[in-house]
Amino acid sequence: MKAHLPARRRSGFTLVEVVVAIAIFAIAAIMLGSAYVGVLESYEAASKGRQRDEDMRFARQLLLAEADVKKAAEGADFETPDRRRVRWSATITPTAMPDLFLVEFLCETQDGAGQRSSTETFTLLRPSWSEPAERDKLRQELRTRIQELSTGKKP
């Protein structure tokens, strides 16, 4: 004998199954959408960082091209093609070596998102920034010290 078939055959999905499938799809879509937005934001942040680095490099080149120490310390400003305003200045300190300077370089960038500043410290060999009398004095001090070290005499 054969078992009796139910009077009503099941065809299609129940309402509960459809709601669960839509909920799973919605959760997956939200997760993918937020991941995509995160990727776009990180690309934008990396691009802004690259722009700041380019602005800093250009401003540093302007500093290195400046032959006058007073003008180099005052700095300057410029506007980039995409309308960012960049201002740079430097604190320049002579060292104990002739023509060698300690430079604290400040670069400020202002755009629609606000103002950001970056600082670099480096040493720079610039004979044009030295005062001739100070350079001669430092050179003489170094010669004296080298002679004292080579002869073994202490000051």
N, C-alpha and C. Protein backbone atom coordinates (compact mmCIF):
# COMPACT_ATOMS: atom_id res chain seq x y z
N MET A 1 0.81 -1.16 0.00
CA MET A 1 0.00 0.00 0.00
C MET A 1 0.87 1.25 0.00
N LYS A 2 0.36 2.19 -0.68
CA LYS A 2 1.07 3.46 -0.76
C LYS A 2 0.58 4.39 0.31
N ALA A 3 1.55 5.24 0.77
CA ALA A 3 1.18 6.25 1.76
C ALA A 3 0.39 7.34 1.07
N HIS A 4 -0.45 7.91 1.81
CA HIS A 4 -1.28 8.97 1.23
C HIS A 4 -0.48 10.26 1.11
N LEU A 5 -0.59 10.93 0.01
CA LEU A 5 0.04 12.24 -0.21
C LEU A 5 -0.77 13.30 0.50
N PRO A 6 -0.09 14.30 1.00
CA PRO A 6 -0.86 15.37 1.63
C PRO A 6 -1.79 16.02 0.61
N ALA A 7 -2.86 16.50 1.10
CA ALA A 7 -3.86 17.07 0.22
C ALA A 7 -3.32 18.31 -0.49
N ARG A 8 -2.45 19.04 0.15
CA ARG A 8 -1.94 20.26 -0.43
C ARG A 8 -0.44 20.10 -0.66
N ARG A 9 0.01 20.26 -1.85
CA ARG A 9 1.45 20.15 -2.16
C ARG A 9 2.12 21.49 -1.88
N ARG A 10 3.33 21.38 -1.43
CA ARG A 10 4.08 22.59 -1.10
C ARG A 10 4.78 23.09 -2.35
N SER A 11 4.49 24.31 -2.76
CA SER A 11 5.18 24.92 -3.89
C SER A 11 5.56 26.34 -3.50
N GLY A 12 6.85 26.73 -3.72
CA GLY A 12 7.32 28.07 -3.38
C GLY A 12 7.85 28.16 -1.96
N PHE A 13 8.10 29.40 -1.52
CA PHE A 13 8.67 29.67 -0.21
C PHE A 13 7.62 30.25 0.71
N THR A 14 7.83 30.00 1.97
CA THR A 14 6.92 30.60 2.94
C THR A 14 7.34 32.05 3.19
N LEU A 15 6.47 32.80 3.79
CA LEU A 15 6.74 34.21 4.07
C LEU A 15 7.94 34.34 5.02
N VAL A 16 8.08 33.48 5.99
CA VAL A 16 9.20 33.51 6.94
C VAL A 16 10.52 33.29 6.20
N GLU A 17 10.55 32.36 5.29
CA GLU A 17 11.78 32.09 4.53
C GLU A 17 12.18 33.29 3.68
N VAL A 18 11.22 33.94 3.08
CA VAL A 18 11.51 35.11 2.25
C VAL A 18 12.05 36.25 3.12
N VAL A 19 11.44 36.49 4.28
CA VAL A 19 11.90 37.56 5.17
C VAL A 19 13.30 37.28 5.67
N VAL A 20 13.62 36.05 6.04
CA VAL A 20 14.96 35.69 6.49
C VAL A 20 15.98 35.89 5.36
N ALA A 21 15.64 35.51 4.14
CA ALA A 21 16.55 35.68 3.00
C ALA A 21 16.81 37.17 2.74
N ILE A 22 15.77 37.99 2.81
CA ILE A 22 15.94 39.43 2.60
C ILE A 22 16.80 40.03 3.71
N ALA A 23 16.59 39.61 4.95
CA ALA A 23 17.39 40.12 6.06
C ALA A 23 18.87 39.76 5.88
N ILE A 24 19.15 38.54 5.49
CA ILE A 24 20.54 38.12 5.25
C ILE A 24 21.15 38.94 4.12
N PHE A 25 20.40 39.12 3.04
CA PHE A 25 20.89 39.92 1.91
C PHE A 25 21.14 41.36 2.35
N ALA A 26 20.25 41.95 3.14
CA ALA A 26 20.41 43.33 3.60
C ALA A 26 21.65 43.48 4.46
N ILE A 27 21.88 42.55 5.38
CA ILE A 27 23.06 42.60 6.24
C ILE A 27 24.34 42.51 5.40
N ALA A 28 24.35 41.60 4.42
CA ALA A 28 25.52 41.46 3.54
C ALA A 28 25.74 42.73 2.73
N ALA A 29 24.67 43.34 2.23
CA ALA A 29 24.80 44.57 1.44
C ALA A 29 25.33 45.71 2.30
N ILE A 30 24.87 45.82 3.54
CA ILE A 30 25.35 46.88 4.43
C ILE A 30 26.83 46.69 4.73
N MET A 31 27.24 45.45 4.98
CA MET A 31 28.65 45.18 5.26
C MET A 31 29.52 45.51 4.06
N LEU A 32 29.11 45.10 2.87
CA LEU A 32 29.88 45.40 1.66
C LEU A 32 29.92 46.91 1.39
N GLY A 33 28.79 47.57 1.60
CA GLY A 33 28.75 49.02 1.38
C GLY A 33 29.66 49.77 2.33
N SER A 34 29.66 49.39 3.61
CA SER A 34 30.53 50.07 4.56
C SER A 34 32.00 49.77 4.28
N ALA A 35 32.31 48.57 3.84
CA ALA A 35 33.69 48.26 3.47
C ALA A 35 34.13 49.10 2.28
N TYR A 36 33.26 49.28 1.31
CA TYR A 36 33.57 50.08 0.14
C TYR A 36 33.80 51.55 0.53
N VAL A 37 32.95 52.09 1.40
CA VAL A 37 33.12 53.47 1.88
C VAL A 37 34.44 53.60 2.63
N GLY A 38 34.80 52.60 3.42
CA GLY A 38 36.07 52.62 4.13
C GLY A 38 37.25 52.66 3.18
N VAL A 39 37.18 51.90 2.11
CA VAL A 39 38.26 51.90 1.11
C VAL A 39 38.36 53.27 0.45
N LEU A 40 37.21 53.87 0.10
CA LEU A 40 37.23 55.20 -0.52
C LEU A 40 37.82 56.24 0.43
N GLU A 41 37.47 56.18 1.70
CA GLU A 41 38.02 57.13 2.68
C GLU A 41 39.53 56.97 2.85
N SER A 42 40.00 55.72 2.84
CA SER A 42 41.44 55.52 2.99
C SER A 42 42.19 56.00 1.74
N TYR A 43 41.61 55.83 0.56
CA TYR A 43 42.22 56.38 -0.66
C TYR A 43 42.30 57.90 -0.57
N GLU A 44 41.25 58.53 -0.08
CA GLU A 44 41.25 59.99 0.04
C GLU A 44 42.28 60.46 1.06
N ALA A 45 42.38 59.75 2.19
CA ALA A 45 43.37 60.12 3.20
C ALA A 45 44.79 59.96 2.65
N ALA A 46 45.03 58.89 1.93
CA ALA A 46 46.36 58.68 1.34
C ALA A 46 46.67 59.77 0.32
N SER A 47 45.68 60.18 -0.44
CA SER A 47 45.88 61.22 -1.44
C SER A 47 46.21 62.55 -0.77
N LYS A 48 45.50 62.88 0.32
CA LYS A 48 45.80 64.13 1.04
C LYS A 48 47.19 64.09 1.64
N GLY A 49 47.59 62.94 2.17
CA GLY A 49 48.94 62.80 2.71
C GLY A 49 49.99 62.99 1.63
N ARG A 50 49.73 62.45 0.45
CA ARG A 50 50.65 62.62 -0.67
C ARG A 50 50.72 64.08 -1.08
N GLN A 51 49.58 64.78 -1.09
CA GLN A 51 49.58 66.19 -1.44
C GLN A 51 50.38 67.01 -0.43
N ARG A 52 50.21 66.71 0.87
CA ARG A 52 50.98 67.42 1.89
C ARG A 52 52.48 67.16 1.72
N ASP A 53 52.84 65.92 1.41
CA ASP A 53 54.26 65.60 1.20
C ASP A 53 54.81 66.37 0.00
N GLU A 54 54.03 66.47 -1.08
CA GLU A 54 54.48 67.22 -2.24
C GLU A 54 54.63 68.70 -1.92
N ASP A 55 53.67 69.24 -1.15
CA ASP A 55 53.77 70.65 -0.75
C ASP A 55 55.01 70.87 0.11
N MET A 56 55.27 69.94 1.01
CA MET A 56 56.44 70.05 1.90
C MET A 56 57.73 69.99 1.08
N ARG A 57 57.80 69.08 0.12
CA ARG A 57 59.00 68.98 -0.73
C ARG A 57 59.22 70.26 -1.53
N PHE A 58 58.14 70.79 -2.09
CA PHE A 58 58.27 72.02 -2.88
C PHE A 58 58.73 73.18 -2.00
N ALA A 59 58.13 73.31 -0.82
CA ALA A 59 58.53 74.39 0.10
C ALA A 59 59.98 74.22 0.54
N ARG A 60 60.40 72.97 0.78
CA ARG A 60 61.79 72.72 1.16
C ARG A 60 62.73 73.11 0.03
N GLN A 61 62.34 72.87 -1.20
CA GLN A 61 63.16 73.28 -2.35
C GLN A 61 63.29 74.80 -2.42
N LEU A 62 62.20 75.50 -2.08
CA LEU A 62 62.27 76.96 -2.04
C LEU A 62 63.26 77.42 -0.97
N LEU A 63 63.25 76.76 0.17
CA LEU A 63 64.21 77.09 1.24
C LEU A 63 65.64 76.84 0.76
N LEU A 64 65.88 75.70 0.15
CA LEU A 64 67.23 75.36 -0.30
C LEU A 64 67.72 76.28 -1.40
N ALA A 65 66.80 76.84 -2.18
CA ALA A 65 67.20 77.74 -3.27
C ALA A 65 67.49 79.16 -2.78
N GLU A 66 67.08 79.45 -1.55
CA GLU A 66 67.26 80.82 -1.02
C GLU A 66 68.71 81.03 -0.58
N ALA A 67 69.36 82.05 -1.16
CA ALA A 67 70.77 82.31 -0.84
C ALA A 67 70.94 83.19 0.40
N ASP A 68 69.91 83.94 0.76
CA ASP A 68 70.00 84.85 1.90
C ASP A 68 69.39 84.18 3.13
N VAL A 69 70.17 84.10 4.21
CA VAL A 69 69.73 83.41 5.42
C VAL A 69 68.53 84.10 6.06
N LYS A 70 68.47 85.43 6.00
CA LYS A 70 67.34 86.15 6.60
C LYS A 70 66.04 85.86 5.85
N LYS A 71 66.12 85.87 4.52
CA LYS A 71 64.92 85.55 3.73
C LYS A 71 64.52 84.10 3.92
N ALA A 72 65.50 83.22 4.06
CA ALA A 72 65.19 81.81 4.28
C ALA A 72 64.49 81.62 5.62
N ALA A 73 64.92 82.35 6.64
CA ALA A 73 64.29 82.23 7.96
C ALA A 73 62.87 82.80 7.95
N GLU A 74 62.66 83.88 7.21
CA GLU A 74 61.32 84.47 7.13
C GLU A 74 60.35 83.54 6.43
N GLY A 75 60.85 82.84 5.41
CA GLY A 75 60.00 81.94 4.66
C GLY A 75 59.20 82.67 3.60
N ALA A 76 58.18 82.00 3.12
CA ALA A 76 57.32 82.55 2.08
C ALA A 76 56.04 81.74 2.07
N ASP A 77 55.15 82.11 1.16
CA ASP A 77 53.94 81.31 0.99
C ASP A 77 53.62 81.23 -0.49
N PHE A 78 52.83 80.23 -0.83
CA PHE A 78 52.41 80.05 -2.21
C PHE A 78 51.07 79.32 -2.23
N GLU A 79 50.43 79.40 -3.38
CA GLU A 79 49.15 78.71 -3.56
C GLU A 79 49.34 77.61 -4.59
N THR A 80 48.82 76.44 -4.28
CA THR A 80 48.95 75.30 -5.19
C THR A 80 47.89 75.39 -6.28
N PRO A 81 48.05 74.65 -7.36
CA PRO A 81 47.05 74.70 -8.44
C PRO A 81 45.63 74.32 -7.98
N ASP A 82 45.52 73.48 -6.96
CA ASP A 82 44.19 73.10 -6.49
C ASP A 82 43.75 73.92 -5.27
N ARG A 83 44.29 75.13 -5.16
CA ARG A 83 43.85 76.15 -4.22
C ARG A 83 44.19 75.90 -2.75
N ARG A 84 45.21 75.13 -2.47
CA ARG A 84 45.69 75.02 -1.09
C ARG A 84 46.69 76.15 -0.86
N ARG A 85 46.68 76.71 0.32
CA ARG A 85 47.61 77.77 0.68
C ARG A 85 48.71 77.15 1.53
N VAL A 86 49.96 77.37 1.16
CA VAL A 86 51.10 76.79 1.87
C VAL A 86 52.00 77.92 2.35
N ARG A 87 52.33 77.89 3.63
CA ARG A 87 53.24 78.87 4.23
C ARG A 87 54.38 78.12 4.88
N TRP A 88 55.62 78.55 4.64
CA TRP A 88 56.77 77.89 5.25
C TRP A 88 57.69 78.93 5.88
N SER A 89 58.40 78.48 6.89
CA SER A 89 59.41 79.31 7.54
C SER A 89 60.44 78.38 8.16
N ALA A 90 61.53 78.95 8.63
CA ALA A 90 62.60 78.11 9.19
C ALA A 90 63.28 78.84 10.35
N THR A 91 63.69 78.06 11.32
CA THR A 91 64.56 78.56 12.38
C THR A 91 65.95 78.03 12.06
N ILE A 92 66.87 78.93 11.80
CA ILE A 92 68.21 78.54 11.33
C ILE A 92 69.22 78.89 12.40
N THR A 93 69.93 77.86 12.86
CA THR A 93 70.91 78.03 13.93
C THR A 93 72.28 77.59 13.43
N PRO A 94 73.31 78.47 13.54
CA PRO A 94 74.66 78.04 13.15
C PRO A 94 75.18 76.97 14.12
N THR A 95 76.01 76.10 13.62
CA THR A 95 76.63 75.06 14.45
C THR A 95 78.10 75.43 14.70
N ALA A 96 78.82 74.55 15.38
CA ALA A 96 80.23 74.79 15.66
C ALA A 96 81.10 74.56 14.43
N MET A 97 80.52 74.02 13.37
CA MET A 97 81.26 73.80 12.13
C MET A 97 80.99 74.95 11.18
N PRO A 98 82.01 75.43 10.47
CA PRO A 98 81.78 76.52 9.53
C PRO A 98 80.82 76.10 8.41
N ASP A 99 79.92 76.98 8.05
CA ASP A 99 78.97 76.81 6.95
C ASP A 99 77.93 75.72 7.19
N LEU A 100 77.86 75.16 8.39
CA LEU A 100 76.89 74.11 8.69
C LEU A 100 75.83 74.68 9.63
N PHE A 101 74.56 74.48 9.26
CA PHE A 101 73.45 75.06 10.01
C PHE A 101 72.45 73.99 10.40
N LEU A 102 71.87 74.19 11.57
CA LEU A 102 70.76 73.34 12.01
C LEU A 102 69.49 74.08 11.63
N VAL A 103 68.63 73.41 10.84
CA VAL A 103 67.43 74.04 10.31
C VAL A 103 66.20 73.32 10.86
N GLU A 104 65.32 74.08 11.49
CA GLU A 104 64.01 73.56 11.88
C GLU A 104 63.01 74.17 10.90
N PHE A 105 62.48 73.33 10.04
CA PHE A 105 61.65 73.76 8.93
C PHE A 105 60.19 73.52 9.26
N LEU A 106 59.37 74.56 9.15
CA LEU A 106 57.94 74.47 9.44
C LEU A 106 57.16 74.75 8.16
N CYS A 107 56.24 73.87 7.84
CA CYS A 107 55.40 74.02 6.66
C CYS A 107 53.94 73.88 7.08
N GLU A 108 53.14 74.91 6.79
CA GLU A 108 51.72 74.91 7.15
C GLU A 108 50.90 74.91 5.87
N THR A 109 49.95 73.98 5.79
CA THR A 109 49.08 73.87 4.63
C THR A 109 47.65 74.16 5.06
N GLN A 110 46.98 75.03 4.33
CA GLN A 110 45.60 75.36 4.64
C GLN A 110 44.74 75.06 3.43
N ASP A 111 43.70 74.26 3.67
CA ASP A 111 42.76 73.94 2.61
C ASP A 111 41.35 74.00 3.18
N GLY A 112 40.38 73.51 2.44
CA GLY A 112 39.00 73.55 2.89
C GLY A 112 38.77 72.76 4.16
N ALA A 113 39.59 71.75 4.43
CA ALA A 113 39.42 70.91 5.62
C ALA A 113 40.08 71.51 6.86
N GLY A 114 40.83 72.57 6.72
CA GLY A 114 41.49 73.18 7.86
C GLY A 114 42.97 73.39 7.61
N GLN A 115 43.70 73.58 8.69
CA GLN A 115 45.13 73.87 8.60
C GLN A 115 45.92 72.73 9.23
N ARG A 116 46.99 72.34 8.55
CA ARG A 116 47.88 71.31 9.07
C ARG A 116 49.30 71.82 8.98
N SER A 117 50.10 71.43 9.96
CA SER A 117 51.50 71.85 9.93
C SER A 117 52.40 70.64 10.11
N SER A 118 53.56 70.73 9.49
CA SER A 118 54.57 69.69 9.57
C SER A 118 55.91 70.35 9.87
N THR A 119 56.73 69.65 10.63
CA THR A 119 58.04 70.19 11.00
C THR A 119 59.11 69.15 10.67
N GLU A 120 60.22 69.63 10.16
CA GLU A 120 61.39 68.79 9.90
C GLU A 120 62.60 69.49 10.50
N THR A 121 63.53 68.70 11.00
CA THR A 121 64.79 69.24 11.49
C THR A 121 65.92 68.54 10.75
N PHE A 122 66.83 69.33 10.20
CA PHE A 122 67.95 68.75 9.46
C PHE A 122 69.13 69.70 9.50
N THR A 123 70.30 69.18 9.17
CA THR A 123 71.49 70.03 9.06
C THR A 123 71.73 70.30 7.59
N LEU A 124 72.27 71.49 7.33
CA LEU A 124 72.44 71.93 5.95
C LEU A 124 73.77 72.66 5.81
N LEU A 125 74.51 72.30 4.82
CA LEU A 125 75.78 72.96 4.50
C LEU A 125 75.49 74.07 3.50
N ARG A 126 75.59 75.33 3.94
CA ARG A 126 75.29 76.47 3.08
C ARG A 126 76.32 77.56 3.29
N PRO A 127 77.37 77.61 2.51
CA PRO A 127 78.38 78.68 2.65
C PRO A 127 77.80 80.08 2.47
N SER A 128 76.78 80.25 1.64
CA SER A 128 76.24 81.59 1.40
C SER A 128 75.50 82.14 2.62
N TRP A 129 75.15 81.29 3.58
CA TRP A 129 74.47 81.77 4.78
C TRP A 129 75.45 82.20 5.87
N SER A 130 76.72 81.91 5.72
CA SER A 130 77.70 82.23 6.77
C SER A 130 78.19 83.66 6.65
N GLU A 131 78.43 84.25 7.80
CA GLU A 131 79.10 85.55 7.84
C GLU A 131 80.59 85.27 7.69
N PRO A 132 81.29 85.96 6.81
CA PRO A 132 82.71 85.66 6.59
C PRO A 132 83.56 85.72 7.86
N ALA A 133 83.32 86.70 8.73
CA ALA A 133 84.12 86.81 9.96
C ALA A 133 83.86 85.61 10.88
N GLU A 134 82.60 85.21 11.00
CA GLU A 134 82.26 84.07 11.85
C GLU A 134 82.82 82.77 11.27
N ARG A 135 82.76 82.64 9.96
CA ARG A 135 83.32 81.46 9.30
C ARG A 135 84.81 81.35 9.56
N ASP A 136 85.54 82.47 9.41
CA ASP A 136 86.99 82.47 9.64
C ASP A 136 87.31 82.13 11.10
N LYS A 137 86.52 82.66 12.02
CA LYS A 137 86.73 82.37 13.45
C LYS A 137 86.53 80.87 13.73
N LEU A 138 85.48 80.29 13.20
CA LEU A 138 85.22 78.85 13.41
C LEU A 138 86.32 77.99 12.78
N ARG A 139 86.76 78.38 11.60
CA ARG A 139 87.83 77.62 10.95
C ARG A 139 89.12 77.67 11.77
N GLN A 140 89.43 78.83 12.31
CA GLN A 140 90.63 78.96 13.14
C GLN A 140 90.51 78.11 14.40
N GLU A 141 89.34 78.12 15.03
CA GLU A 141 89.14 77.29 16.22
C GLU A 141 89.31 75.80 15.89
N LEU A 142 88.81 75.38 14.74
CA LEU A 142 88.97 73.98 14.33
C LEU A 142 90.43 73.64 14.05
N ARG A 143 91.15 74.54 13.39
CA ARG A 143 92.58 74.30 13.13
C ARG A 143 93.34 74.14 14.44
N THR A 144 93.05 75.03 15.39
CA THR A 144 93.71 74.97 16.69
C THR A 144 93.40 73.65 17.39
N ARG A 145 92.18 73.26 17.36
CA ARG A 145 91.79 72.00 18.02
C ARG A 145 92.46 70.80 17.35
N ILE A 146 92.51 70.79 16.03
CA ILE A 146 93.16 69.69 15.31
C ILE A 146 94.65 69.64 15.66
N GLN A 147 95.30 70.80 15.72
CA GLN A 147 96.72 70.83 16.09
C GLN A 147 96.92 70.31 17.51
N GLU A 148 96.03 70.69 18.42
CA GLU A 148 96.14 70.22 19.80
C GLU A 148 95.95 68.71 19.87
N LEU A 149 95.02 68.18 19.11
CA LEU A 149 94.79 66.73 19.12
C LEU A 149 95.94 65.97 18.48
N SER A 150 96.52 66.54 17.44
CA SER A 150 97.61 65.82 16.75
C SER A 150 98.90 65.87 17.54
N THR A 151 99.13 66.93 18.32
CA THR A 151 100.37 67.02 19.12
C THR A 151 100.19 66.43 20.51
N GLY A 152 98.96 66.16 20.89
CA GLY A 152 98.71 65.57 22.20
C GLY A 152 98.63 66.58 23.31
N LYS A 153 98.69 67.84 23.02
CA LYS A 153 98.59 68.87 24.05
C LYS A 153 97.13 69.12 24.37
N LYS A 154 96.90 69.32 25.65
CA LYS A 154 95.54 69.66 26.09
C LYS A 154 95.47 71.15 26.30
N PRO A 155 94.34 71.72 26.04
CA PRO A 155 94.19 73.18 26.18
C PRO A 155 94.32 73.65 27.61
